[in-house]
């Protein structure tokens, strides 16, 4: 009997009626500052990969 009550309560709590609707996030436009820092990070990544490739090829 106790497990039956638990089953009923858990199914009522998890019902889709109580669930809120999903609001899709709206993407924001990037600012010029964000684009600058992204470009700088991309260049730094490329430079770091070149340095690692040179270090590995020397051995």
PDB file of N, CA and C in Angstrom:
ATOM      1  N   UNK A   1       0.820  -1.191   0.000  1.00  0.00           N
ATOM      2  CA  UNK A   1       0.000   0.000   0.000  1.00  0.00           C
ATOM      3  C   UNK A   1       0.867   1.260   0.000  1.00  0.00           C
ATOM      4  N   UNK A   2       1.937   1.187   0.792  1.00  0.00           N
ATOM      5  CA  UNK A   2       2.806   2.354   0.887  1.00  0.00           C
ATOM      6  C   UNK A   2       3.505   2.637  -0.440  1.00  0.00           C
ATOM      7  N   UNK A   3       3.944   1.589  -1.134  1.00  0.00           N
ATOM      8  CA  UNK A   3       4.593   1.795  -2.428  1.00  0.00           C
ATOM      9  C   UNK A   3       3.601   2.302  -3.463  1.00  0.00           C
ATOM     10  N   UNK A   4       2.334   1.907  -3.332  1.00  0.00           N
ATOM     11  CA  UNK A   4       1.303   2.401  -4.249  1.00  0.00           C
ATOM     12  C   UNK A   4       1.095   3.900  -4.063  1.00  0.00           C
ATOM     13  N   UNK A   5       1.087   4.357  -2.823  1.00  0.00           N
ATOM     14  CA  UNK A   5       0.927   5.792  -2.538  1.00  0.00           C
ATOM     15  C   UNK A   5       2.149   6.553  -3.055  1.00  0.00           C
ATOM     16  N   UNK A   6       3.324   5.989  -2.867  1.00  0.00           N
ATOM     17  CA  UNK A   6       4.538   6.618  -3.371  1.00  0.00           C
ATOM     18  C   UNK A   6       4.511   6.719  -4.888  1.00  0.00           C
ATOM     19  N   UNK A   7       4.033   5.674  -5.542  1.00  0.00           N
ATOM     20  CA  UNK A   7       3.929   5.676  -6.996  1.00  0.00           C
ATOM     21  C   UNK A   7       2.960   6.745  -7.473  1.00  0.00           C
ATOM     22  N   UNK A   8       1.829   6.849  -6.831  1.00  0.00           N
ATOM     23  CA  UNK A   8       0.824   7.851  -7.204  1.00  0.00           C
ATOM     24  C   UNK A   8       1.366   9.260  -6.987  1.00  0.00           C
ATOM     25  N   UNK A   9       1.993   9.503  -5.842  1.00  0.00           N
ATOM     26  CA  UNK A   9       2.520  10.842  -5.545  1.00  0.00           C
ATOM     27  C   UNK A   9       3.647  11.224  -6.498  1.00  0.00           C
ATOM     28  N   UNK A  10       4.528  10.281  -6.794  1.00  0.00           N
ATOM     29  CA  UNK A  10       5.637  10.607  -7.694  1.00  0.00           C
ATOM     30  C   UNK A  10       5.144  10.862  -9.116  1.00  0.00           C
ATOM     31  N   UNK A  11       4.097  10.150  -9.551  1.00  0.00           N
ATOM     32  CA  UNK A  11       3.571  10.395 -10.890  1.00  0.00           C
ATOM     33  C   UNK A  11       2.831  11.729 -10.953  1.00  0.00           C
ATOM     34  N   UNK A  12       2.194  12.133  -9.859  1.00  0.00           N
ATOM     35  CA  UNK A  12       1.524  13.431  -9.845  1.00  0.00           C
ATOM     36  C   UNK A  12       2.523  14.581  -9.807  1.00  0.00           C
ATOM     37  N   UNK A  13       3.600  14.399  -9.072  1.00  0.00           N
ATOM     38  CA  UNK A  13       4.618  15.452  -8.971  1.00  0.00           C
ATOM     39  C   UNK A  13       5.330  15.642 -10.306  1.00  0.00           C
ATOM     40  N   UNK A  14       5.557  14.548 -11.021  1.00  0.00           N
ATOM     41  CA  UNK A  14       6.289  14.613 -12.277  1.00  0.00           C
ATOM     42  C   UNK A  14       5.383  14.814 -13.479  1.00  0.00           C
ATOM     43  N   UNK A  15       4.172  15.240 -13.273  1.00  0.00           N
ATOM     44  CA  UNK A  15       3.242  15.384 -14.401  1.00  0.00           C
ATOM     45  C   UNK A  15       3.649  16.563 -15.283  1.00  0.00           C
ATOM     46  N   UNK A  16       3.408  16.469 -16.587  1.00  0.00           N
ATOM     47  CA  UNK A  16       3.764  17.551 -17.504  1.00  0.00           C
ATOM     48  C   UNK A  16       2.975  18.834 -17.271  1.00  0.00           C
ATOM     49  N   UNK A  17       1.869  18.727 -16.553  1.00  0.00           N
ATOM     50  CA  UNK A  17       1.070  19.919 -16.275  1.00  0.00           C
ATOM     51  C   UNK A  17       1.859  20.897 -15.416  1.00  0.00           C
ATOM     52  N   UNK A  18       2.661  20.379 -14.505  1.00  0.00           N
ATOM     53  CA  UNK A  18       3.427  21.235 -13.604  1.00  0.00           C
ATOM     54  C   UNK A  18       4.712  21.755 -14.238  1.00  0.00           C
ATOM     55  N   UNK A  19       5.114  21.160 -15.347  1.00  0.00           N
ATOM     56  CA  UNK A  19       6.371  21.569 -15.979  1.00  0.00           C
ATOM     57  C   UNK A  19       6.179  22.895 -16.713  1.00  0.00           C
ATOM     58  N   UNK A  20       7.169  23.744 -16.616  1.00  0.00           N
ATOM     59  CA  UNK A  20       7.114  25.023 -17.315  1.00  0.00           C
ATOM     60  C   UNK A  20       7.548  24.860 -18.761  1.00  0.00           C
ATOM     61  N   UNK A  21       7.115  25.773 -19.582  1.00  0.00           N
ATOM     62  CA  UNK A  21       7.490  25.738 -20.992  1.00  0.00           C
ATOM     63  C   UNK A  21       8.950  26.109 -21.184  1.00  0.00           C
ATOM     64  N   UNK A  22       9.538  25.618 -22.265  1.00  0.00           N
ATOM     65  CA  UNK A  22      10.941  25.903 -22.544  1.00  0.00           C
ATOM     66  C   UNK A  22      11.031  27.144 -23.415  1.00  0.00           C
ATOM     67  N   UNK A  23      11.740  28.150 -22.941  1.00  0.00           N
ATOM     68  CA  UNK A  23      11.976  29.365 -23.722  1.00  0.00           C
ATOM     69  C   UNK A  23      13.384  29.294 -24.300  1.00  0.00           C
ATOM     70  N   UNK A  24      13.453  29.278 -25.620  1.00  0.00           N
ATOM     71  CA  UNK A  24      14.761  29.189 -26.266  1.00  0.00           C
ATOM     72  C   UNK A  24      15.552  30.458 -26.009  1.00  0.00           C
ATOM     73  N   UNK A  25      16.844  30.325 -25.711  1.00  0.00           N
ATOM     74  CA  UNK A  25      17.656  31.523 -25.488  1.00  0.00           C
ATOM     75  C   UNK A  25      17.863  32.275 -26.804  1.00  0.00           C
ATOM     76  N   UNK A  26      17.853  33.575 -26.721  1.00  0.00           N
ATOM     77  CA  UNK A  26      18.051  34.415 -27.900  1.00  0.00           C
ATOM     78  C   UNK A  26      19.535  34.779 -27.960  1.00  0.00           C
ATOM     79  N   UNK A  27      20.227  34.418 -29.055  1.00  0.00           N
ATOM     80  CA  UNK A  27      21.647  34.746 -29.134  1.00  0.00           C
ATOM     81  C   UNK A  27      21.854  36.259 -29.261  1.00  0.00           C
ATOM     82  N   UNK A  28      22.829  36.731 -28.551  1.00  0.00           N
ATOM     83  CA  UNK A  28      23.159  38.154 -28.592  1.00  0.00           C
ATOM     84  C   UNK A  28      24.266  38.396 -29.608  1.00  0.00           C
ATOM     85  N   UNK A  29      24.231  39.536 -30.227  1.00  0.00           N
ATOM     86  CA  UNK A  29      25.280  39.892 -31.188  1.00  0.00           C
ATOM     87  C   UNK A  29      26.588  40.149 -30.444  1.00  0.00           C
ATOM     88  N   UNK A  30      27.687  39.788 -31.094  1.00  0.00           N
ATOM     89  CA  UNK A  30      28.985  40.033 -30.472  1.00  0.00           C
ATOM     90  C   UNK A  30      29.388  41.481 -30.680  1.00  0.00           C
ATOM     91  N   UNK A  31      30.013  42.034 -29.679  1.00  0.00           N
ATOM     92  CA  UNK A  31      30.517  43.391 -29.798  1.00  0.00           C
ATOM     93  C   UNK A  31      31.881  43.362 -30.482  1.00  0.00           C
ATOM     94  N   UNK A  32      32.353  44.517 -30.877  1.00  0.00           N
ATOM     95  CA  UNK A  32      33.661  44.611 -31.523  1.00  0.00           C
ATOM     96  C   UNK A  32      34.770  44.189 -30.564  1.00  0.00           C
ATOM     97  N   UNK A  33      34.599  44.480 -29.288  1.00  0.00           N
ATOM     98  CA  UNK A  33      35.589  44.089 -28.290  1.00  0.00           C
ATOM     99  C   UNK A  33      35.667  42.574 -28.168  1.00  0.00           C
ATOM    100  N   UNK A  34      34.509  41.915 -28.165  1.00  0.00           N
ATOM    101  CA  UNK A  34      34.486  40.454 -28.080  1.00  0.00           C
ATOM    102  C   UNK A  34      35.114  39.831 -29.315  1.00  0.00           C
ATOM    103  N   UNK A  35      34.863  40.390 -30.481  1.00  0.00           N
ATOM    104  CA  UNK A  35      35.468  39.865 -31.700  1.00  0.00           C
ATOM    105  C   UNK A  35      36.978  40.043 -31.680  1.00  0.00           C
ATOM    106  N   UNK A  36      37.453  41.159 -31.149  1.00  0.00           N
ATOM    107  CA  UNK A  36      38.896  41.394 -31.042  1.00  0.00           C
ATOM    108  C   UNK A  36      39.544  40.357 -30.139  1.00  0.00           C
ATOM    109  N   UNK A  37      38.960  40.109 -28.965  1.00  0.00           N
ATOM    110  CA  UNK A  37      39.544  39.152 -28.033  1.00  0.00           C
ATOM    111  C   UNK A  37      39.473  37.731 -28.573  1.00  0.00           C
ATOM    112  N   UNK A  38      38.413  37.430 -29.328  1.00  0.00           N
ATOM    113  CA  UNK A  38      38.311  36.109 -29.942  1.00  0.00           C
ATOM    114  C   UNK A  38      39.398  35.930 -30.997  1.00  0.00           C
ATOM    115  N   UNK A  39      39.629  36.947 -31.817  1.00  0.00           N
ATOM    116  CA  UNK A  39      40.686  36.875 -32.828  1.00  0.00           C
ATOM    117  C   UNK A  39      42.052  36.738 -32.168  1.00  0.00           C
ATOM    118  N   UNK A  40      42.270  37.459 -31.095  1.00  0.00           N
ATOM    119  CA  UNK A  40      43.543  37.369 -30.376  1.00  0.00           C
ATOM    120  C   UNK A  40      43.737  35.977 -29.777  1.00  0.00           C
ATOM    121  N   UNK A  41      42.674  35.400 -29.233  1.00  0.00           N
ATOM    122  CA  UNK A  41      42.762  34.054 -28.670  1.00  0.00           C
ATOM    123  C   UNK A  41      43.032  33.022 -29.767  1.00  0.00           C
ATOM    124  N   UNK A  42      42.427  33.204 -30.947  1.00  0.00           N
ATOM    125  CA  UNK A  42      42.680  32.283 -32.066  1.00  0.00           C
ATOM    126  C   UNK A  42      44.132  32.354 -32.508  1.00  0.00           C
ATOM    127  N   UNK A  43      44.656  33.549 -32.604  1.00  0.00           N
ATOM    128  CA  UNK A  43      46.064  33.706 -32.992  1.00  0.00           C
ATOM    129  C   UNK A  43      46.992  33.098 -31.937  1.00  0.00           C
ATOM    130  N   UNK A  44      46.670  33.298 -30.675  1.00  0.00           N
ATOM    131  CA  UNK A  44      47.485  32.722 -29.609  1.00  0.00           C
ATOM    132  C   UNK A  44      47.452  31.205 -29.655  1.00  0.00           C
ATOM    133  N   UNK A  45      46.307  30.629 -29.978  1.00  0.00           N
ATOM    134  CA  UNK A  45      46.207  29.182 -30.091  1.00  0.00           C
ATOM    135  C   UNK A  45      47.057  28.660 -31.244  1.00  0.00           C
ATOM    136  N   UNK A  46      47.016  29.338 -32.378  1.00  0.00           N
ATOM    137  CA  UNK A  46      47.825  28.920 -33.529  1.00  0.00           C
ATOM    138  C   UNK A  46      49.309  29.019 -33.201  1.00  0.00           C
ATOM    139  N   UNK A  47      49.709  30.099 -32.561  1.00  0.00           N
ATOM    140  CA  UNK A  47      51.120  30.265 -32.187  1.00  0.00           C
ATOM    141  C   UNK A  47      51.543  29.173 -31.207  1.00  0.00           C
ATOM    142  N   UNK A  48      50.701  28.867 -30.240  1.00  0.00           N
ATOM    143  CA  UNK A  48      51.020  27.820 -29.276  1.00  0.00           C
ATOM    144  C   UNK A  48      51.138  26.463 -29.954  1.00  0.00           C
ATOM    145  N   UNK A  49      50.295  26.186 -30.925  1.00  0.00           N
ATOM    146  CA  UNK A  49      50.367  24.908 -31.637  1.00  0.00           C
ATOM    147  C   UNK A  49      51.631  24.819 -32.483  1.00  0.00           C
ATOM    148  N   UNK A  50      52.049  25.928 -33.074  1.00  0.00           N
ATOM    149  CA  UNK A  50      53.298  25.931 -33.847  1.00  0.00           C
ATOM    150  C   UNK A  50      54.481  25.688 -32.923  1.00  0.00           C
ATOM    151  N   UNK A  51      54.486  26.310 -31.760  1.00  0.00           N
ATOM    152  CA  UNK A  51      55.572  26.119 -30.796  1.00  0.00           C
ATOM    153  C   UNK A  51      55.618  24.663 -30.339  1.00  0.00           C
ATOM    154  N   UNK A  52      54.484  24.074 -30.045  1.00  0.00           N
ATOM    155  CA  UNK A  52      54.447  22.677 -29.615  1.00  0.00           C
ATOM    156  C   UNK A  52      54.933  21.761 -30.732  1.00  0.00           C
ATOM    157  N   UNK A  53      54.544  22.040 -31.954  1.00  0.00           N
ATOM    158  CA  UNK A  53      54.982  21.220 -33.088  1.00  0.00           C
ATOM    159  C   UNK A  53      56.484  21.290 -33.263  1.00  0.00           C
ATOM    160  N   UNK A  54      57.069  22.454 -33.087  1.00  0.00           N
ATOM    161  CA  UNK A  54      58.519  22.601 -33.198  1.00  0.00           C
ATOM    162  C   UNK A  54      59.237  21.867 -32.070  1.00  0.00           C
ATOM    163  N   UNK A  55      58.669  21.954 -30.857  1.00  0.00           N
ATOM    164  CA  UNK A  55      59.298  21.266 -29.725  1.00  0.00           C
ATOM    165  C   UNK A  55      59.239  19.750 -29.908  1.00  0.00           C
ATOM    166  N   UNK A  56      58.147  19.243 -30.412  1.00  0.00           N
ATOM    167  CA  UNK A  56      57.996  17.813 -30.587  1.00  0.00           C
ATOM    168  C   UNK A  56      58.868  17.300 -31.733  1.00  0.00           C
ATOM    169  N   UNK A  57      58.991  18.072 -32.790  1.00  0.00           N
ATOM    170  CA  UNK A  57      59.773  17.627 -33.946  1.00  0.00           C
ATOM    171  C   UNK A  57      61.277  17.637 -33.678  1.00  0.00           C
ATOM    172  N   UNK A  58      61.732  18.361 -32.689  1.00  0.00           N
ATOM    173  CA  UNK A  58      63.171  18.417 -32.364  1.00  0.00           C
ATOM    174  C   UNK A  58      63.647  17.134 -31.693  1.00  0.00           C
ATOM    175  N   UNK A  59      62.770  16.416 -31.041  1.00  0.00           N
ATOM    176  CA  UNK A  59      63.188  15.235 -30.286  1.00  0.00           C
ATOM    177  C   UNK A  59      63.324  14.021 -31.151  1.00  0.00           C
TER     178      UNK A  59
END
